[in-house]
Amino acid sequence: MFATLKRTAKLLRAPTQAERDMAYLNEAGDRYDLEARERNLNNRVANRGLGL
């Protein structure tokens, strides 16, 4: 019974920010796309720190 509840809870859990970022990076088609995506994530983190 508890195993079923644990499985259900795991399925309903929203992905963490780190998991979403990794999925975004994994979708890169080539090295240049990956570098652009990394810059995008780095800029987003920098802007968040500035309160933008």
PDB file of N, CA and C in Angstrom:
ATOM      1  N   MET A   1       0.819  -1.184   0.000  1.00  0.00           N
ATOM      2  CA  MET A   1       0.000   0.000   0.000  1.00  0.00           C
ATOM      3  C   MET A   1       0.869   1.257   0.000  1.00  0.00           C
ATOM      4  N   PHE A   2       1.885   1.293   0.882  1.00  0.00           N
ATOM      5  CA  PHE A   2       2.737   2.471   0.932  1.00  0.00           C
ATOM      6  C   PHE A   2       3.593   2.599  -0.322  1.00  0.00           C
ATOM      7  N   ALA A   3       3.968   1.486  -0.918  1.00  0.00           N
ATOM      8  CA  ALA A   3       4.746   1.537  -2.154  1.00  0.00           C
ATOM      9  C   ALA A   3       3.932   2.198  -3.264  1.00  0.00           C
ATOM     10  N   THR A   4       2.638   1.896  -3.310  1.00  0.00           N
ATOM     11  CA  THR A   4       1.763   2.510  -4.310  1.00  0.00           C
ATOM     12  C   THR A   4       1.660   4.014  -4.072  1.00  0.00           C
ATOM     13  N   LEU A   5       1.544   4.410  -2.831  1.00  0.00           N
ATOM     14  CA  LEU A   5       1.471   5.840  -2.505  1.00  0.00           C
ATOM     15  C   LEU A   5       2.774   6.550  -2.874  1.00  0.00           C
ATOM     16  N   LYS A   6       3.907   5.913  -2.600  1.00  0.00           N
ATOM     17  CA  LYS A   6       5.193   6.517  -2.929  1.00  0.00           C
ATOM     18  C   LYS A   6       5.341   6.679  -4.439  1.00  0.00           C
ATOM     19  N   ARG A   7       4.939   5.666  -5.192  1.00  0.00           N
ATOM     20  CA  ARG A   7       5.011   5.733  -6.655  1.00  0.00           C
ATOM     21  C   ARG A   7       4.121   6.840  -7.198  1.00  0.00           C
ATOM     22  N   THR A   8       2.921   6.943  -6.655  1.00  0.00           N
ATOM     23  CA  THR A   8       1.976   7.978  -7.087  1.00  0.00           C
ATOM     24  C   THR A   8       2.520   9.364  -6.770  1.00  0.00           C
ATOM     25  N   ALA A   9       3.070   9.532  -5.588  1.00  0.00           N
ATOM     26  CA  ALA A   9       3.635  10.829  -5.197  1.00  0.00           C
ATOM     27  C   ALA A   9       4.800  11.194  -6.106  1.00  0.00           C
ATOM     28  N   LYS A  10       5.625  10.228  -6.468  1.00  0.00           N
ATOM     29  CA  LYS A  10       6.759  10.482  -7.348  1.00  0.00           C
ATOM     30  C   LYS A  10       6.286  10.901  -8.741  1.00  0.00           C
ATOM     31  N   LEU A  11       5.204  10.308  -9.216  1.00  0.00           N
ATOM     32  CA  LEU A  11       4.679  10.654 -10.535  1.00  0.00           C
ATOM     33  C   LEU A  11       4.065  12.055 -10.558  1.00  0.00           C
ATOM     34  N   LEU A  12       3.490  12.484  -9.451  1.00  0.00           N
ATOM     35  CA  LEU A  12       2.820  13.778  -9.383  1.00  0.00           C
ATOM     36  C   LEU A  12       3.773  14.929  -9.041  1.00  0.00           C
ATOM     37  N   ARG A  13       4.989  14.606  -8.668  1.00  0.00           N
ATOM     38  CA  ARG A  13       5.960  15.614  -8.262  1.00  0.00           C
ATOM     39  C   ARG A  13       6.389  16.446  -9.464  1.00  0.00           C
ATOM     40  N   ALA A  14       6.484  17.747  -9.282  1.00  0.00           N
ATOM     41  CA  ALA A  14       6.950  18.635 -10.343  1.00  0.00           C
ATOM     42  C   ALA A  14       8.473  18.556 -10.413  1.00  0.00           C
ATOM     43  N   PRO A  15       9.033  18.663 -11.624  1.00  0.00           N
ATOM     44  CA  PRO A  15      10.495  18.613 -11.745  1.00  0.00           C
ATOM     45  C   PRO A  15      11.148  19.833 -11.094  1.00  0.00           C
ATOM     46  N   THR A  16      12.327  19.627 -10.545  1.00  0.00           N
ATOM     47  CA  THR A  16      13.055  20.729  -9.919  1.00  0.00           C
ATOM     48  C   THR A  16      13.631  21.640 -10.998  1.00  0.00           C
ATOM     49  N   GLN A  17      14.092  22.807 -10.588  1.00  0.00           N
ATOM     50  CA  GLN A  17      14.706  23.748 -11.531  1.00  0.00           C
ATOM     51  C   GLN A  17      15.939  23.122 -12.178  1.00  0.00           C
ATOM     52  N   ALA A  18      16.724  22.410 -11.403  1.00  0.00           N
ATOM     53  CA  ALA A  18      17.920  21.765 -11.944  1.00  0.00           C
ATOM     54  C   ALA A  18      17.547  20.723 -13.000  1.00  0.00           C
ATOM     55  N   GLU A  19      16.478  19.962 -12.761  1.00  0.00           N
ATOM     56  CA  GLU A  19      16.036  18.967 -13.743  1.00  0.00           C
ATOM     57  C   GLU A  19      15.540  19.639 -15.019  1.00  0.00           C
ATOM     58  N   ARG A  20      14.818  20.762 -14.867  1.00  0.00           N
ATOM     59  CA  ARG A  20      14.339  21.488 -16.052  1.00  0.00           C
ATOM     60  C   ARG A  20      15.508  22.070 -16.847  1.00  0.00           C
ATOM     61  N   ASP A  21      16.505  22.609 -16.130  1.00  0.00           N
ATOM     62  CA  ASP A  21      17.678  23.166 -16.807  1.00  0.00           C
ATOM     63  C   ASP A  21      18.442  22.076 -17.555  1.00  0.00           C
ATOM     64  N   MET A  22      18.605  20.919 -16.936  1.00  0.00           N
ATOM     65  CA  MET A  22      19.332  19.829 -17.586  1.00  0.00           C
ATOM     66  C   MET A  22      18.578  19.333 -18.817  1.00  0.00           C
ATOM     67  N   ALA A  23      17.263  19.246 -18.739  1.00  0.00           N
ATOM     68  CA  ALA A  23      16.467  18.828 -19.895  1.00  0.00           C
ATOM     69  C   ALA A  23      16.609  19.843 -21.026  1.00  0.00           C
ATOM     70  N   TYR A  24      16.630  21.139 -20.674  1.00  0.00           N
ATOM     71  CA  TYR A  24      16.807  22.202 -21.670  1.00  0.00           C
ATOM     72  C   TYR A  24      18.166  22.068 -22.353  1.00  0.00           C
ATOM     73  N   LEU A  25      19.219  21.815 -21.582  1.00  0.00           N
ATOM     74  CA  LEU A  25      20.552  21.660 -22.160  1.00  0.00           C
ATOM     75  C   LEU A  25      20.654  20.393 -23.001  1.00  0.00           C
ATOM     76  N   ASN A  26      19.989  19.337 -22.592  1.00  0.00           N
ATOM     77  CA  ASN A  26      20.049  18.074 -23.329  1.00  0.00           C
ATOM     78  C   ASN A  26      19.368  18.153 -24.689  1.00  0.00           C
ATOM     79  N   GLU A  27      18.517  19.155 -24.899  1.00  0.00           N
ATOM     80  CA  GLU A  27      17.842  19.309 -26.182  1.00  0.00           C
ATOM     81  C   GLU A  27      18.703  19.998 -27.230  1.00  0.00           C
ATOM     82  N   ALA A  28      19.902  20.425 -26.853  1.00  0.00           N
ATOM     83  CA  ALA A  28      20.791  21.120 -27.792  1.00  0.00           C
ATOM     84  C   ALA A  28      21.146  20.205 -28.955  1.00  0.00           C
ATOM     85  N   GLY A  29      21.134  20.782 -30.152  1.00  0.00           N
ATOM     86  CA  GLY A  29      21.408  19.994 -31.353  1.00  0.00           C
ATOM     87  C   GLY A  29      22.877  19.843 -31.667  1.00  0.00           C
ATOM     88  N   ASP A  30      23.681  20.827 -31.284  1.00  0.00           N
ATOM     89  CA  ASP A  30      25.118  20.755 -31.536  1.00  0.00           C
ATOM     90  C   ASP A  30      25.853  21.560 -30.470  1.00  0.00           C
ATOM     91  N   ARG A  31      27.164  21.617 -30.614  1.00  0.00           N
ATOM     92  CA  ARG A  31      27.989  22.281 -29.607  1.00  0.00           C
ATOM     93  C   ARG A  31      27.660  23.768 -29.484  1.00  0.00           C
ATOM     94  N   TYR A  32      27.405  24.406 -30.609  1.00  0.00           N
ATOM     95  CA  TYR A  32      27.131  25.844 -30.604  1.00  0.00           C
ATOM     96  C   TYR A  32      25.777  26.141 -29.951  1.00  0.00           C
ATOM     97  N   ASP A  33      24.824  25.292 -30.214  1.00  0.00           N
ATOM     98  CA  ASP A  33      23.514  25.433 -29.572  1.00  0.00           C
ATOM     99  C   ASP A  33      23.650  25.236 -28.069  1.00  0.00           C
ATOM    100  N   LEU A  34      24.455  24.243 -27.673  1.00  0.00           N
ATOM    101  CA  LEU A  34      24.674  23.988 -26.247  1.00  0.00           C
ATOM    102  C   LEU A  34      25.316  25.203 -25.581  1.00  0.00           C
ATOM    103  N   GLU A  35      26.312  25.797 -26.235  1.00  0.00           N
ATOM    104  CA  GLU A  35      26.968  26.973 -25.654  1.00  0.00           C
ATOM    105  C   GLU A  35      25.997  28.138 -25.522  1.00  0.00           C
ATOM    106  N   ALA A  36      25.141  28.327 -26.516  1.00  0.00           N
ATOM    107  CA  ALA A  36      24.147  29.404 -26.456  1.00  0.00           C
ATOM    108  C   ALA A  36      23.158  29.156 -25.316  1.00  0.00           C
ATOM    109  N   ARG A  37      22.751  27.910 -25.142  1.00  0.00           N
ATOM    110  CA  ARG A  37      21.828  27.578 -24.067  1.00  0.00           C
ATOM    111  C   ARG A  37      22.484  27.779 -22.696  1.00  0.00           C
ATOM    112  N   GLU A  38      23.772  27.433 -22.588  1.00  0.00           N
ATOM    113  CA  GLU A  38      24.479  27.652 -21.332  1.00  0.00           C
ATOM    114  C   GLU A  38      24.567  29.144 -21.015  1.00  0.00           C
ATOM    115  N   ARG A  39      24.871  29.961 -22.026  1.00  0.00           N
ATOM    116  CA  ARG A  39      24.907  31.411 -21.811  1.00  0.00           C
ATOM    117  C   ARG A  39      23.535  31.924 -21.385  1.00  0.00           C
ATOM    118  N   ASN A  40      22.494  31.406 -22.005  1.00  0.00           N
ATOM    119  CA  ASN A  40      21.135  31.812 -21.665  1.00  0.00           C
ATOM    120  C   ASN A  40      20.841  31.511 -20.193  1.00  0.00           C
ATOM    121  N   LEU A  41      21.195  30.313 -19.734  1.00  0.00           N
ATOM    122  CA  LEU A  41      20.959  29.958 -18.334  1.00  0.00           C
ATOM    123  C   LEU A  41      21.807  30.814 -17.404  1.00  0.00           C
ATOM    124  N   ASN A  42      23.068  31.057 -17.770  1.00  0.00           N
ATOM    125  CA  ASN A  42      23.939  31.877 -16.933  1.00  0.00           C
ATOM    126  C   ASN A  42      23.412  33.304 -16.829  1.00  0.00           C
ATOM    127  N   ASN A  43      22.934  33.855 -17.932  1.00  0.00           N
ATOM    128  CA  ASN A  43      22.380  35.210 -17.905  1.00  0.00           C
ATOM    129  C   ASN A  43      21.113  35.267 -17.069  1.00  0.00           C
ATOM    130  N   ARG A  44      20.310  34.222 -17.146  1.00  0.00           N
ATOM    131  CA  ARG A  44      19.079  34.189 -16.356  1.00  0.00           C
ATOM    132  C   ARG A  44      19.400  34.184 -14.871  1.00  0.00           C
ATOM    133  N   VAL A  45      20.404  33.410 -14.489  1.00  0.00           N
ATOM    134  CA  VAL A  45      20.803  33.347 -13.081  1.00  0.00           C
ATOM    135  C   VAL A  45      21.376  34.689 -12.640  1.00  0.00           C
ATOM    136  N   ALA A  46      22.177  35.326 -13.488  1.00  0.00           N
ATOM    137  CA  ALA A  46      22.762  36.628 -13.149  1.00  0.00           C
ATOM    138  C   ALA A  46      21.670  37.685 -13.012  1.00  0.00           C
ATOM    139  N   ASN A  47      20.702  37.663 -13.912  1.00  0.00           N
ATOM    140  CA  ASN A  47      19.618  38.634 -13.847  1.00  0.00           C
ATOM    141  C   ASN A  47      18.746  38.426 -12.613  1.00  0.00           C
ATOM    142  N   ARG A  48      18.563  37.175 -12.229  1.00  0.00           N
ATOM    143  CA  ARG A  48      17.767  36.881 -11.049  1.00  0.00           C
ATOM    144  C   ARG A  48      18.451  37.433  -9.806  1.00  0.00           C
ATOM    145  N   GLY A  49      19.790  37.354  -9.770  1.00  0.00           N
ATOM    146  CA  GLY A  49      20.547  37.875  -8.632  1.00  0.00           C
ATOM    147  C   GLY A  49      20.460  39.377  -8.533  1.00  0.00           C
ATOM    148  N   LEU A  50      20.257  40.057  -9.679  1.00  0.00           N
ATOM    149  CA  LEU A  50      20.150  41.505  -9.686  1.00  0.00           C
ATOM    150  C   LEU A  50      18.721  41.972  -9.420  1.00  0.00           C
ATOM    151  N   GLY A  51      17.798  41.057  -9.363  1.00  0.00           N
ATOM    152  CA  GLY A  51      16.403  41.404  -9.123  1.00  0.00           C
ATOM    153  C   GLY A  51      15.668  41.845 -10.382  1.00  0.00           C
ATOM    154  N   LEU A  52      16.164  41.464 -11.537  1.00  0.00           N
ATOM    155  CA  LEU A  52      15.515  41.842 -12.798  1.00  0.00           C
ATOM    156  C   LEU A  52      14.499  40.820 -13.221  1.00  0.00           C
TER     157      LEU A  52
END
